Amino acid sequence: MFQVLLVDDEPLVRHNLWTLLDWADYGFELCGQAHNGLIALTMIEQSPPHIVIIDVDMPEMSGVELNRTIKERFPGVKTIMLSSYDDYDYVRDCLNNGSIDYLLKHRLDESTLLNILNKAVSELQQENRLREKQFAESVIAEKVSPEDMRDYLLYLLKRQTKTTYGFEDVSQKDNLYPHASRYATAALQIVPFLLLTESYSDVQTNGLVQQVVDMMQQSLGDIHERTAVYVEEGRFVIVFSFRERSEHIMQREVDGQLRKIQHALELFLNLQSVTAVGPICTSLSQLASSYCSAEYELDGSSSVKTFRSHTLQNETPCSDKHSHEKDQSQRVSLTIEEQKQLLLSIERFDKQGVHQLISSIFASIDDLPIHSHTVQMVVSELMQTGDKAWRTCLPSTDPAVANLPSRSELGRMKTIRELEQGLQSFFSSLFHLLNQHRVIGSYSRHVTQTIQFILERYSGYVTLELAASVIGLNASYLSRIFKEETQRTFSEYVNQVRIDAGCKLLDSGRYSIKEISMQVGFTTHNYFFKVFKEITGLTPQAYLSNPGKRKNETKLPTLHMGN
C-alpha cells in the first residue's frame, strides 16, 4: 500500500478527496489529514508518507512553502498540488520544486486523480529500482577488493582461467565496471625501469612499482571506472570503462588521462614513460586482444600515443611482447666480443676506442624504441662495465665519483640519440677521473698535466714540444722538471706508456703484433720490437709464449705515481 496524506484547510475539500475513490482498491491508504502546512510538516517528520496532496493556498504555511520544504528535507516524498485558481506563478513554482502535477479543484474527478496518483507511484517505483541497483553495485564493489580486481584483470589479460579468483559471475554480468558498455586498454612503460632497478632489492623494486600504481590510480580516480594494473618489467596496463558515448569523446578522455598520468610520474617520481592505446572492446573477454594490440604498437614504434578508434570485433592471438623487437634486430644485449673490447679499451685508456664502440653499438639499435628491453639491457651493461672500471681503480669513497652521470639521469633521456650522448658523456667523465687518479702523487701541476696529456694522446703523435705548447710552458723547462720529478725523460715515459698498452693488447689475444705496434703509437714495427725488449726484457713473441718470464708487466702503475 502507498500511503497518502491530505493537506487542505477546507474540510469539505478533504472530505471530497476522501470519498472521491475507493483508495484501498487501487493500492493506496489515506494515512492522515492536516488543515495547514505546519501540522502536515510535523506529521511527515514523524512518519513520512509516499504521497502528499497539498492545497496551494493555506494559512500559517502555504502549500507552496510546504512543497519547497518537502523537496529539501524529504526528496523521496511525491507531491500533488491542488488550487482553486489557475495561477501560472504557482504552477511554475510547484513544478520546479518537484511536484508530480498541479490540479484545479473544480476539475478534479476520480479518473484524473487516479492517473496522477499512478504517475507518482511510477516515479516512486523507478527511484526504488535505481536505489536497489546502486546498493547492489556498492555491495559488489565492497566485495571485490582493489587487489582482487587487479589480479582478475591481470589474469584476463594473460588469458588465464577466470574461476581462479571466483569472479565468473561478476565478469559475465560485467559488474566489475558498473554501467560500462565499452572498454579500452592502454599500455604504459616506465622507460628506465630496468636501468633503475638493476641494483634494487626485491623490496625496493616492489616499492617503486607500488608507488607508480598508487600515483596512476590517484590520477585516474574511481577504480571501478578506470583501473591501473602492473604487468611486468616496468609495464603497466590501464583499463578504461565507458558508458555509451561517441568514440571521439572516449579518445579525448583516454588521451587526457594518459597525459595527466605521464605528467604526474615525471613531476613526482622523476620517471619518463611512453604509452599506446588498444582498440575499443565491447566486453571484458576482449581485453586481452586489445592490450596485445597496444603492446605491439608500443614496442613496435617510439611514438608516444596512438588511439585506434575502431571497435574490436574479433579476438586475435596475443603475440609475444618482444616479437616485433626481435623481428627488427637479433640483438638482446652486448655481445661477448663487445664486452671484451670495451674492457680492453678502458684498460688502455683508449677514449677514442670506447667512443667508436658505443657509436657502433647504438647504430645497431637506433631503430628500436628507447624503452625496449634490448636498449635498456645494452645501456645497463655499458654502465655496469663503467662501474666495474671505477670501482677497480678508484676508492669507493672518492667524492669525484658522484660527478659521473647517474642511471636516473640517463633514465630522463627521451630519444636513442640523447641516450647515446649520455653514455658518451659518462665514459668521458670516467676517463677524466681515471686519468686524474693515475697521476696522483707529489708531482707538480705542470708535470701532472703533462702525464695526463701523454695518457690521452700516446696512441697518436706525441712530442715534448706539443705537450709544452698545450700546457703553455717552454719545452726546455718542461723537459727539465719532468725528468727531475719522474726520473725519466719525456720520450722514455711515452715509450713506457705505449709498451704497457701493448702488453694489454697482447694479453687480449685479439690482435697481431704488427697491429698492436700501430695501435699504441709506434711508427715502425722494428722500433716497437726494440723498445718492447728494452723495457720488458722479452721480445713480443717471447712475451706471448712465456707468461712466466714476464718481468715488467706491473711497472706502469709505479711509473704513474709520484715519488
Protein backbone atom coordinates (compact mmCIF):
# COMPACT_ATOMS: atom_id res chain seq x y z
CA MET A 1 0.00 0.00 0.00
CA PHE A 2 1.16 3.51 -0.85
CA GLN A 3 0.39 5.95 1.95
CA VAL A 4 -1.23 9.29 1.06
CA LEU A 5 -1.53 12.41 3.27
CA LEU A 6 -4.22 15.03 2.54
CA VAL A 7 -3.38 18.68 3.37
CA ASP A 8 -6.13 21.33 2.89
CA ASP A 9 -7.63 23.99 5.14
CA GLU A 10 -11.17 23.33 3.79
CA PRO A 11 -12.91 20.31 5.48
CA LEU A 12 -15.27 19.87 2.51
CA VAL A 13 -12.35 19.52 0.09
CA ARG A 14 -10.70 16.96 2.37
CA HIS A 15 -13.95 15.02 2.63
CA ASN A 16 -14.43 15.15 -1.14
CA LEU A 17 -10.97 13.75 -1.71
CA TRP A 18 -11.54 11.07 0.91
CA THR A 19 -14.68 9.85 -0.80
CA LEU A 20 -13.70 10.50 -4.44
CA LEU A 21 -12.43 6.94 -4.99
CA ASP A 22 -12.03 3.64 -3.18
CA TRP A 23 -8.40 4.15 -2.19
CA ALA A 24 -7.65 0.62 -0.96
CA ASP A 25 -8.89 -0.97 -4.18
CA TYR A 26 -6.20 0.89 -6.11
CA GLY A 27 -3.38 0.16 -3.66
CA PHE A 28 -3.48 3.38 -1.62
CA GLU A 29 -4.02 4.10 2.07
CA LEU A 30 -5.05 7.51 3.42
CA CYS A 31 -2.72 7.84 6.42
CA GLY A 32 -3.94 11.22 7.71
CA GLN A 33 -5.28 14.73 7.19
CA ALA A 34 -3.89 18.19 8.06
CA HIS A 35 -5.53 21.63 7.76
CA ASN A 36 -2.27 23.64 7.37
CA GLY A 37 1.34 23.23 6.31
CA LEU A 38 2.88 23.29 9.79
CA ILE A 39 0.74 20.42 11.05
CA ALA A 40 1.41 18.49 7.86
CA LEU A 41 5.17 19.01 8.24
CA THR A 42 5.03 17.64 11.81
CA MET A 43 3.15 14.55 10.61
CA ILE A 44 5.63 14.00 7.77
CA GLU A 45 8.56 14.26 10.18
CA GLN A 46 7.01 11.58 12.41
CA SER A 47 6.10 9.19 9.60
CA PRO A 48 6.81 10.19 6.01
CA PRO A 49 4.09 9.10 3.55
CA HIS A 50 4.73 8.17 -0.06
CA ILE A 51 2.49 10.90 -1.50
CA VAL A 52 1.18 14.25 -0.18
CA ILE A 53 -1.78 16.06 -1.80
CA ILE A 54 -1.40 19.76 -0.93
CA ASP A 55 -3.66 22.79 -1.24
CA VAL A 56 -1.67 25.76 -2.54
CA ASP A 57 -3.46 28.48 -0.50
CA MET A 58 -3.42 27.78 3.27
CA PRO A 59 -2.85 29.89 6.42
CA GLU A 60 0.35 29.85 8.53
CA MET A 61 2.35 27.89 5.92
CA SER A 62 1.19 27.91 2.32
CA GLY A 63 1.23 24.81 0.16
CA VAL A 64 3.98 26.37 -1.98
CA GLU A 65 6.22 26.74 1.09
CA LEU A 66 5.37 23.22 2.30
CA ASN A 67 6.18 21.81 -1.14
CA ARG A 68 9.59 23.52 -1.12
CA THR A 69 10.33 22.20 2.39
CA ILE A 70 9.34 18.65 1.45
CA LYS A 71 11.65 18.72 -1.56
CA GLU A 72 14.56 19.93 0.58
CA ARG A 73 14.06 17.62 3.57
CA PHE A 74 12.13 14.63 2.18
CA PRO A 75 13.12 14.30 -1.50
CA GLY A 76 11.66 10.79 -1.69
CA VAL A 77 8.11 12.04 -0.97
CA LYS A 78 5.97 12.82 -4.05
CA THR A 79 3.62 15.85 -4.00
CA ILE A 80 0.45 16.71 -5.92
CA MET A 81 -0.72 20.34 -5.79
CA LEU A 82 -4.36 21.49 -5.62
CA SER A 83 -5.73 25.00 -6.15
CA SER A 84 -8.92 26.89 -6.86
CA TYR A 85 -7.01 29.24 -9.17
CA ASP A 86 -5.15 28.65 -12.43
CA ASP A 87 -2.19 30.86 -11.41
CA TYR A 88 0.88 30.49 -13.64
CA ASP A 89 3.35 31.61 -10.95
CA TYR A 90 2.03 28.97 -8.56
CA VAL A 91 2.16 26.30 -11.25
CA ARG A 92 5.77 27.13 -12.19
CA ASP A 93 6.98 27.22 -8.60
CA CYS A 94 5.32 23.92 -7.70
CA LEU A 95 6.58 22.06 -10.73
CA ASN A 96 10.08 23.49 -10.28
CA ASN A 97 10.07 22.07 -6.75
CA GLY A 98 9.30 18.54 -7.85
CA SER A 99 5.50 18.26 -7.82
CA ILE A 100 4.00 15.50 -9.91
CA ASP A 101 1.28 17.81 -11.21
CA TYR A 102 -0.87 20.90 -10.49
CA LEU A 103 -4.63 20.21 -10.39
CA LEU A 104 -7.63 22.56 -10.22
CA LYS A 105 -10.18 21.57 -7.57
CA HIS A 106 -13.26 22.30 -9.70
CA ARG A 107 -11.96 20.00 -12.46
CA LEU A 108 -10.92 17.15 -10.20
CA ASP A 109 -12.63 13.78 -10.72
CA GLU A 110 -11.88 10.14 -9.93
CA SER A 111 -10.13 9.40 -13.25
CA THR A 112 -7.91 12.49 -13.15
CA LEU A 113 -6.87 11.89 -9.56
CA LEU A 114 -6.15 8.20 -10.17
CA ASN A 115 -3.97 8.98 -13.20
CA ILE A 116 -1.89 11.45 -11.20
CA LEU A 117 -1.56 9.01 -8.29
CA ASN A 118 -0.40 6.26 -10.64
CA LYS A 119 2.12 8.65 -12.15
CA ALA A 120 3.50 9.29 -8.66
CA VAL A 121 3.66 5.55 -7.99
CA SER A 122 5.53 5.00 -11.25
CA GLU A 123 8.17 7.54 -10.27
CA LEU A 124 8.46 6.01 -6.79
CA GLN A 125 8.97 2.55 -8.23
CA GLN A 126 11.57 3.78 -10.71
CA GLU A 127 13.53 5.51 -7.95
CA ASN A 128 13.33 2.38 -5.78
CA ARG A 129 14.73 0.23 -8.59
CA LEU A 130 17.58 2.70 -9.07
CA ARG A 131 18.38 2.68 -5.35
CA GLU A 132 18.34 -1.12 -5.28
CA LYS A 133 20.68 -1.27 -8.25
CA GLN A 134 23.05 1.23 -6.68
CA PHE A 135 23.00 -0.71 -3.44
CA ALA A 136 23.72 -3.98 -5.26
CA GLU A 137 26.59 -2.35 -7.11
CA SER A 138 28.01 -0.95 -3.90
CA VAL A 139 27.85 -4.44 -2.34
CA ILE A 140 29.73 -5.87 -5.33
CA ALA A 141 32.27 -3.07 -5.15
CA GLU A 142 32.83 -3.77 -1.48
CA LYS A 143 33.28 -7.50 -2.10
CA VAL A 144 35.73 -7.02 -4.97
CA SER A 145 38.81 -5.51 -3.35
CA PRO A 146 41.25 -3.45 -5.44
CA GLU A 147 43.85 -6.23 -5.11
CA ASP A 148 41.44 -8.94 -6.29
CA MET A 149 40.20 -6.70 -9.08
CA ARG A 150 43.74 -6.13 -10.37
CA ASP A 151 44.58 -9.82 -10.06
CA TYR A 152 41.49 -10.74 -12.05
CA LEU A 153 42.22 -8.19 -14.78
CA LEU A 154 45.80 -9.45 -15.00
CA TYR A 155 44.51 -12.98 -15.48
CA LEU A 156 42.11 -11.78 -18.15
CA LEU A 157 44.93 -10.01 -19.98
CA LYS A 158 47.11 -13.11 -19.82
CA ARG A 159 44.21 -15.35 -20.89
CA GLN A 160 44.16 -17.33 -17.66
CA THR A 161 41.08 -19.05 -16.24
CA LYS A 162 38.51 -16.72 -14.71
CA THR A 163 37.50 -19.18 -11.97
CA THR A 164 40.88 -18.86 -10.27
CA TYR A 165 39.61 -15.91 -8.27
CA GLY A 166 35.92 -16.80 -8.27
CA PHE A 167 34.80 -13.89 -10.47
CA GLU A 168 32.91 -15.85 -13.12
CA ASP A 169 29.50 -14.39 -12.20
CA VAL A 170 30.85 -10.87 -11.94
CA SER A 171 32.57 -11.00 -15.30
CA GLN A 172 29.56 -12.48 -17.08
CA LYS A 173 27.35 -9.62 -15.93
CA ASP A 174 30.09 -7.01 -16.46
CA ASN A 175 29.51 -5.84 -12.90
CA LEU A 176 33.23 -5.36 -12.45
CA TYR A 177 32.60 -1.98 -14.09
CA PRO A 178 29.03 -0.85 -13.28
CA HIS A 179 27.20 0.89 -16.14
CA ALA A 180 30.02 0.12 -18.62
CA SER A 181 29.22 -0.96 -22.15
CA ARG A 182 32.62 -0.45 -23.78
CA TYR A 183 36.23 -0.63 -22.72
CA ALA A 184 39.70 0.44 -23.82
CA THR A 185 43.16 -0.59 -22.66
CA ALA A 186 46.39 1.40 -22.61
CA ALA A 187 49.92 0.04 -22.18
CA LEU A 188 52.31 2.27 -20.23
CA GLN A 189 56.04 1.60 -19.98
CA ILE A 190 58.39 3.23 -17.49
CA VAL A 191 61.31 3.92 -19.83
CA PRO A 192 64.29 3.48 -17.48
CA PHE A 193 62.73 0.72 -15.31
CA LEU A 194 65.35 -2.00 -15.90
CA LEU A 195 68.15 0.54 -15.72
CA LEU A 196 66.92 1.97 -12.42
CA THR A 197 66.08 -1.31 -10.69
CA GLU A 198 69.07 -3.46 -11.67
CA SER A 199 70.73 -2.71 -8.31
CA TYR A 200 67.47 -2.71 -6.33
CA SER A 201 66.42 -5.43 -3.93
CA ASP A 202 63.04 -7.09 -4.49
CA VAL A 203 61.61 -4.96 -1.70
CA GLN A 204 62.85 -1.75 -3.31
CA THR A 205 61.56 -2.77 -6.75
CA ASN A 206 58.15 -3.69 -5.34
CA GLY A 207 58.07 -0.38 -3.50
CA LEU A 208 58.71 1.54 -6.73
CA VAL A 209 56.01 -0.44 -8.54
CA GLN A 210 53.51 0.27 -5.76
CA GLN A 211 54.35 3.98 -5.88
CA VAL A 212 53.67 4.05 -9.61
CA VAL A 213 50.38 2.11 -9.31
CA ASP A 214 49.16 4.34 -6.46
CA MET A 215 50.02 7.52 -8.34
CA MET A 216 48.38 6.28 -11.54
CA GLN A 217 45.22 5.23 -9.69
CA GLN A 218 45.07 8.53 -7.82
CA SER A 219 45.21 10.33 -11.15
CA LEU A 220 42.62 8.01 -12.74
CA GLY A 221 40.05 8.27 -9.95
CA ASP A 222 37.42 5.59 -9.24
CA ILE A 223 38.96 2.12 -9.63
CA HIS A 224 35.58 0.78 -10.80
CA GLU A 225 35.73 3.08 -13.81
CA ARG A 226 39.47 3.14 -14.62
CA THR A 227 41.99 0.68 -13.22
CA ALA A 228 45.81 0.68 -13.20
CA VAL A 229 47.47 -2.76 -13.09
CA TYR A 230 51.16 -3.74 -13.02
CA VAL A 231 52.15 -6.37 -15.57
CA GLU A 232 55.95 -6.91 -15.53
CA GLU A 233 59.34 -5.25 -16.11
CA GLY A 234 58.05 -1.70 -15.73
CA ARG A 235 54.99 -2.34 -17.94
CA PHE A 236 51.54 -1.31 -16.71
CA VAL A 237 48.06 -1.58 -18.20
CA ILE A 238 45.21 0.86 -17.70
CA VAL A 239 41.65 -0.40 -18.27
CA PHE A 240 39.12 2.30 -19.13
CA SER A 241 35.36 1.65 -18.94
CA PHE A 242 32.76 3.78 -20.71
CA ARG A 243 29.01 4.14 -20.83
CA GLU A 244 27.50 4.64 -24.27
CA ARG A 245 29.27 7.61 -25.81
CA SER A 246 30.98 8.63 -29.03
CA GLU A 247 34.43 7.30 -29.91
CA HIS A 248 35.66 10.87 -30.22
CA ILE A 249 34.75 11.55 -26.57
CA MET A 250 36.40 8.30 -25.48
CA GLN A 251 39.56 9.17 -27.40
CA ARG A 252 39.69 12.60 -25.82
CA GLU A 253 39.21 11.20 -22.33
CA VAL A 254 41.85 8.48 -22.74
CA ASP A 255 44.41 10.88 -24.20
CA GLY A 256 43.75 13.39 -21.43
CA GLN A 257 44.08 10.77 -18.70
CA LEU A 258 47.35 9.44 -20.14
CA ARG A 259 48.85 12.92 -20.39
CA LYS A 260 47.89 13.57 -16.78
CA ILE A 261 49.46 10.30 -15.62
CA GLN A 262 52.69 10.88 -17.53
CA HIS A 263 52.96 14.39 -16.13
CA ALA A 264 52.42 13.13 -12.57
CA LEU A 265 55.02 10.36 -12.92
CA GLU A 266 57.59 12.78 -14.28
CA LEU A 267 56.80 15.53 -11.76
CA PHE A 268 56.61 13.48 -8.57
CA LEU A 269 58.67 10.33 -9.30
CA ASN A 270 61.01 11.72 -11.98
CA LEU A 271 60.07 8.84 -14.31
CA GLN A 272 59.75 9.06 -18.08
CA SER A 273 57.03 6.89 -19.63
CA VAL A 274 55.54 6.07 -23.03
CA THR A 275 52.02 4.84 -23.81
CA ALA A 276 49.92 3.28 -26.54
CA VAL A 277 46.18 2.51 -26.69
CA GLY A 278 44.46 -0.62 -27.99
CA PRO A 279 41.16 -0.95 -29.89
CA ILE A 280 37.83 -0.39 -28.17
CA CYS A 281 36.21 -3.51 -26.64
CA THR A 282 32.58 -4.38 -26.09
CA SER A 283 33.23 -6.99 -23.37
CA LEU A 284 35.82 -7.87 -20.75
CA SER A 285 36.68 -11.04 -22.64
CA GLN A 286 38.23 -8.88 -25.38
CA LEU A 287 40.61 -7.02 -23.08
CA ALA A 288 43.50 -9.39 -23.82
CA SER A 289 43.34 -8.75 -27.56
CA SER A 290 43.03 -5.00 -27.06
CA TYR A 291 46.01 -4.95 -24.72
CA CYS A 292 48.14 -7.06 -27.07
CA SER A 293 47.44 -4.54 -29.82
CA ALA A 294 48.52 -1.72 -27.51
CA GLU A 295 51.72 -3.59 -26.59
CA TYR A 296 52.53 -4.33 -30.21
CA GLU A 297 52.13 -0.68 -31.08
CA LEU A 298 54.17 0.44 -28.08
CA ASP A 299 57.06 -1.96 -28.72
CA GLY A 300 56.96 -1.51 -32.47
CA SER A 301 57.19 2.27 -32.51
CA SER A 302 58.73 5.02 -30.45
CA SER A 303 55.72 7.26 -30.99
CA VAL A 304 54.13 8.21 -27.72
CA LYS A 305 50.41 7.93 -28.32
CA THR A 306 48.09 6.47 -30.92
CA PHE A 307 44.37 5.79 -30.38
CA ARG A 308 42.65 3.19 -32.52
CA SER A 309 39.10 4.35 -32.97
CA HIS A 310 37.59 1.22 -34.48
CA THR A 311 35.79 -1.28 -32.25
CA LEU A 312 37.45 -4.65 -31.74
CA GLN A 313 35.23 -7.29 -33.34
CA ASN A 314 37.26 -10.49 -33.21
CA GLU A 315 39.90 -11.61 -30.76
CA THR A 316 43.34 -12.06 -32.22
CA PRO A 317 46.19 -14.16 -30.84
CA CYS A 318 48.29 -12.38 -28.30
CA SER A 319 51.83 -12.16 -29.64
CA ASP A 320 54.99 -12.14 -27.59
CA LYS A 321 55.52 -8.62 -26.26
CA HIS A 322 59.02 -8.54 -27.74
CA SER A 323 58.21 -10.25 -31.07
CA HIS A 324 58.29 -7.04 -33.08
CA GLU A 325 61.51 -6.01 -31.48
CA LYS A 326 63.03 -9.41 -32.31
CA ASP A 327 61.95 -9.02 -35.91
CA GLN A 328 63.81 -5.73 -36.09
CA SER A 329 67.03 -6.91 -34.51
CA GLN A 330 68.51 -10.13 -33.16
CA ARG A 331 70.49 -8.22 -30.54
CA VAL A 332 69.45 -8.82 -26.95
CA SER A 333 72.37 -7.23 -25.11
CA LEU A 334 76.09 -6.60 -25.57
CA THR A 335 77.98 -9.39 -27.29
CA ILE A 336 80.91 -11.07 -25.53
CA GLU A 337 83.23 -9.53 -28.11
CA GLU A 338 81.86 -6.03 -27.40
CA GLN A 339 82.28 -6.52 -23.66
CA LYS A 340 85.90 -7.62 -24.11
CA GLN A 341 86.64 -4.74 -26.44
CA LEU A 342 85.10 -2.23 -24.03
CA LEU A 343 87.08 -3.55 -21.06
CA LEU A 344 90.27 -3.57 -23.09
CA SER A 345 89.73 0.00 -24.29
CA ILE A 346 89.14 1.16 -20.72
CA GLU A 347 92.26 -0.64 -19.50
CA ARG A 348 94.26 1.04 -22.27
CA PHE A 349 92.60 4.36 -21.50
CA ASP A 350 91.58 4.40 -25.14
CA LYS A 351 88.92 7.09 -25.12
CA GLN A 352 88.55 7.11 -28.90
CA GLY A 353 88.11 3.34 -28.97
CA VAL A 354 85.30 3.48 -26.40
CA HIS A 355 83.65 6.33 -28.30
CA GLN A 356 83.70 4.37 -31.56
CA LEU A 357 82.44 1.20 -29.88
CA ILE A 358 79.48 2.99 -28.27
CA SER A 359 78.62 4.63 -31.61
CA SER A 360 78.70 1.23 -33.31
CA ILE A 361 76.51 -0.36 -30.63
CA PHE A 362 73.89 2.38 -30.82
CA ALA A 363 73.88 2.25 -34.60
CA SER A 364 72.64 -1.33 -34.28
CA ILE A 365 69.71 -0.38 -32.02
CA ASP A 366 68.68 3.05 -33.29
CA ASP A 367 65.52 1.61 -34.89
CA LEU A 368 64.23 0.34 -31.53
CA PRO A 369 62.08 2.37 -29.11
CA ILE A 370 64.05 3.76 -26.20
CA HIS A 371 62.01 1.78 -23.66
CA SER A 372 62.65 -1.60 -25.32
CA HIS A 373 64.20 -4.41 -23.32
CA THR A 374 67.20 -4.55 -25.67
CA VAL A 375 68.01 -0.83 -25.36
CA GLN A 376 67.69 -0.94 -21.59
CA MET A 377 69.88 -4.06 -21.33
CA VAL A 378 72.58 -2.58 -23.58
CA VAL A 379 72.70 0.64 -21.56
CA SER A 380 72.68 -1.33 -18.31
CA GLU A 381 75.64 -3.49 -19.36
CA LEU A 382 77.59 -0.47 -20.58
CA MET A 383 77.01 1.22 -17.22
CA GLN A 384 77.96 -1.95 -15.33
CA THR A 385 81.26 -2.12 -17.20
CA GLY A 386 81.94 1.52 -16.40
CA ASP A 387 81.06 0.93 -12.73
CA LYS A 388 83.45 -2.02 -12.62
CA ALA A 389 86.24 0.17 -14.02
CA TRP A 390 85.95 2.95 -11.46
CA ARG A 391 85.47 0.52 -8.57
CA THR A 392 88.69 -1.23 -9.60
CA CYS A 393 90.72 1.95 -9.97
CA LEU A 394 89.14 4.47 -7.62
CA PRO A 395 88.40 4.38 -3.88
CA SER A 396 84.69 3.85 -3.25
CA THR A 397 84.73 6.96 -1.06
CA ASP A 398 86.23 9.17 -3.76
CA PRO A 399 83.84 12.17 -3.92
CA ALA A 400 84.67 12.64 -7.62
CA VAL A 401 82.61 9.51 -8.40
CA ALA A 402 79.46 11.46 -7.57
CA ASN A 403 80.14 13.64 -10.62
CA LEU A 404 79.63 10.72 -13.01
CA PRO A 405 76.24 10.76 -14.82
CA SER A 406 73.81 8.54 -12.89
CA ARG A 407 71.29 5.98 -14.10
CA SER A 408 68.47 8.31 -13.14
CA GLU A 409 69.96 10.99 -15.41
CA LEU A 410 70.10 8.51 -18.30
CA GLY A 411 66.54 7.50 -17.48
CA ARG A 412 65.34 11.00 -18.29
CA MET A 413 66.62 10.77 -21.86
CA LYS A 414 63.75 10.77 -24.36
CA THR A 415 65.47 9.55 -27.54
CA ILE A 416 68.08 6.97 -28.54
CA ARG A 417 70.35 9.80 -29.67
CA GLU A 418 70.17 11.51 -26.27
CA LEU A 419 70.86 8.17 -24.59
CA GLU A 420 73.95 7.62 -26.74
CA GLN A 421 75.21 11.10 -25.92
CA GLY A 422 74.59 10.41 -22.23
CA LEU A 423 76.70 7.23 -22.39
CA GLN A 424 79.46 9.05 -24.23
CA SER A 425 79.42 11.72 -21.53
CA PHE A 426 79.55 9.04 -18.82
CA PHE A 427 82.67 7.41 -20.26
CA SER A 428 84.33 10.76 -21.00
CA SER A 429 83.85 11.71 -17.34
CA LEU A 430 85.07 8.28 -16.30
CA PHE A 431 88.28 8.62 -18.33
CA HIS A 432 88.86 12.05 -16.84
CA LEU A 433 88.61 10.64 -13.30
CA LEU A 434 90.78 7.61 -14.08
CA ASN A 435 93.46 9.75 -15.66
CA GLN A 436 93.46 12.02 -12.63
CA HIS A 437 93.86 9.01 -10.37
CA ARG A 438 96.74 7.58 -12.43
CA VAL A 439 98.88 10.62 -11.80
CA ILE A 440 98.09 11.22 -8.15
CA GLY A 441 101.27 11.86 -6.17
CA SER A 442 103.83 14.54 -5.41
CA TYR A 443 104.09 15.76 -8.99
CA SER A 444 103.84 19.45 -9.67
CA ARG A 445 100.83 20.79 -11.52
CA HIS A 446 102.69 21.08 -14.84
CA VAL A 447 104.12 17.55 -14.69
CA THR A 448 100.71 16.17 -13.77
CA GLN A 449 99.20 17.92 -16.80
CA THR A 450 101.97 16.52 -18.99
CA ILE A 451 101.35 12.94 -17.80
CA GLN A 452 97.63 13.35 -18.44
CA PHE A 453 98.44 14.61 -21.91
CA ILE A 454 100.62 11.54 -22.58
CA LEU A 455 97.96 9.12 -21.30
CA GLU A 456 95.33 10.65 -23.56
CA ARG A 457 97.49 11.03 -26.68
CA TYR A 458 100.05 8.19 -26.58
CA SER A 459 98.44 6.26 -29.44
CA GLY A 460 98.99 9.18 -31.80
CA TYR A 461 101.52 11.89 -32.42
CA VAL A 462 103.12 12.93 -29.10
CA THR A 463 106.20 15.16 -28.68
CA LEU A 464 107.69 17.24 -25.90
CA GLU A 465 107.18 20.40 -27.94
CA LEU A 466 103.50 19.61 -28.50
CA ALA A 467 102.94 18.91 -24.80
CA ALA A 468 104.72 22.12 -23.81
CA SER A 469 102.59 24.09 -26.26
CA VAL A 470 99.36 22.62 -24.86
CA ILE A 471 100.40 23.30 -21.26
CA GLY A 472 101.86 26.72 -22.03
CA LEU A 473 105.49 26.17 -20.97
CA ASN A 474 108.89 26.41 -22.59
CA ALA A 475 109.88 22.96 -23.94
CA SER A 476 113.33 23.02 -22.34
CA TYR A 477 111.92 23.97 -18.94
CA LEU A 478 109.26 21.25 -19.15
CA SER A 479 111.88 18.66 -20.12
CA ARG A 480 113.98 19.53 -17.09
CA ILE A 481 111.23 19.46 -14.45
CA PHE A 482 109.69 16.33 -15.98
CA LYS A 483 113.00 14.43 -15.67
CA GLU A 484 113.55 15.71 -12.13
CA GLU A 485 110.14 14.56 -10.88
CA THR A 486 109.60 11.29 -12.81
CA GLN A 487 113.23 10.17 -13.10
CA ARG A 488 112.59 9.60 -16.80
CA THR A 489 112.83 11.68 -19.92
CA PHE A 490 109.67 12.62 -21.76
CA SER A 491 110.41 10.07 -24.53
CA GLU A 492 111.15 7.28 -22.01
CA TYR A 493 107.86 7.94 -20.26
CA VAL A 494 105.90 7.90 -23.53
CA ASN A 495 107.53 4.61 -24.56
CA GLN A 496 106.76 3.09 -21.15
CA VAL A 497 103.08 4.02 -21.51
CA ARG A 498 102.95 2.64 -25.06
CA ILE A 499 104.59 -0.67 -24.11
CA ASP A 500 102.26 -1.09 -21.16
CA ALA A 501 99.29 -0.62 -23.51
CA GLY A 502 100.92 -3.05 -25.95
CA CYS A 503 101.22 -5.70 -23.22
CA LYS A 504 97.49 -5.43 -22.50
CA LEU A 505 96.68 -5.86 -26.18
CA LEU A 506 98.98 -8.89 -26.39
CA ASP A 507 97.25 -10.38 -23.35
CA SER A 508 93.88 -9.99 -25.05
CA GLY A 509 94.92 -12.23 -27.93
CA ARG A 510 92.75 -10.23 -30.32
CA TYR A 511 95.41 -8.52 -32.45
CA SER A 512 98.59 -9.35 -34.30
CA ILE A 513 101.90 -7.89 -33.11
CA LYS A 514 102.06 -5.64 -36.16
CA GLU A 515 98.54 -4.32 -35.49
CA ILE A 516 99.43 -3.66 -31.86
CA SER A 517 102.55 -1.70 -32.72
CA MET A 518 100.43 0.69 -34.80
CA GLN A 519 97.64 0.97 -32.23
CA VAL A 520 99.95 2.02 -29.40
CA GLY A 521 101.63 4.76 -31.43
CA PHE A 522 104.84 3.27 -32.90
CA THR A 523 105.51 4.34 -36.47
CA THR A 524 107.53 1.22 -37.39
CA HIS A 525 107.26 -2.43 -36.49
CA ASN A 526 111.00 -2.77 -35.81
CA TYR A 527 111.12 0.15 -33.38
CA PHE A 528 108.25 -1.40 -31.41
CA PHE A 529 110.28 -4.64 -31.12
CA LYS A 530 113.37 -2.73 -29.96
CA VAL A 531 111.59 -0.67 -27.29
CA PHE A 532 109.48 -3.62 -26.14
CA LYS A 533 112.58 -5.73 -25.43
CA GLU A 534 114.38 -2.86 -23.71
CA ILE A 535 111.50 -2.32 -21.27
CA THR A 536 110.22 -5.86 -20.70
CA GLY A 537 113.36 -7.88 -21.33
CA LEU A 538 111.43 -10.02 -23.82
CA THR A 539 110.52 -9.84 -27.46
CA PRO A 540 106.78 -9.62 -28.15
CA GLN A 541 106.78 -13.29 -29.33
CA ALA A 542 108.57 -14.43 -26.17
CA TYR A 543 106.17 -12.40 -24.05
CA LEU A 544 103.26 -14.28 -25.60
CA SER A 545 104.83 -17.75 -25.41
CA ASN A 546 106.43 -17.49 -21.93
CA PRO A 547 103.97 -15.86 -19.47
CA GLY A 548 106.12 -16.91 -16.54
CA LYS A 549 109.09 -14.85 -17.73
CA ARG A 550 107.32 -11.51 -17.92
CA LYS A 551 109.34 -9.15 -15.77
CA ASN A 552 107.91 -5.68 -16.07
CA GLU A 553 104.21 -6.34 -16.55
CA THR A 554 103.21 -4.28 -13.50
CA LYS A 555 105.73 -1.48 -13.93
CA LEU A 556 103.27 1.13 -15.20
CA PRO A 557 101.29 1.81 -12.01
CA THR A 558 104.54 2.63 -10.18
CA LEU A 559 105.62 4.79 -13.09
CA HIS A 560 102.48 6.90 -12.90
CA MET A 561 102.63 7.58 -9.18
CA GLY A 562 104.56 10.42 -7.65
CA ASN A 563 107.76 9.93 -5.75
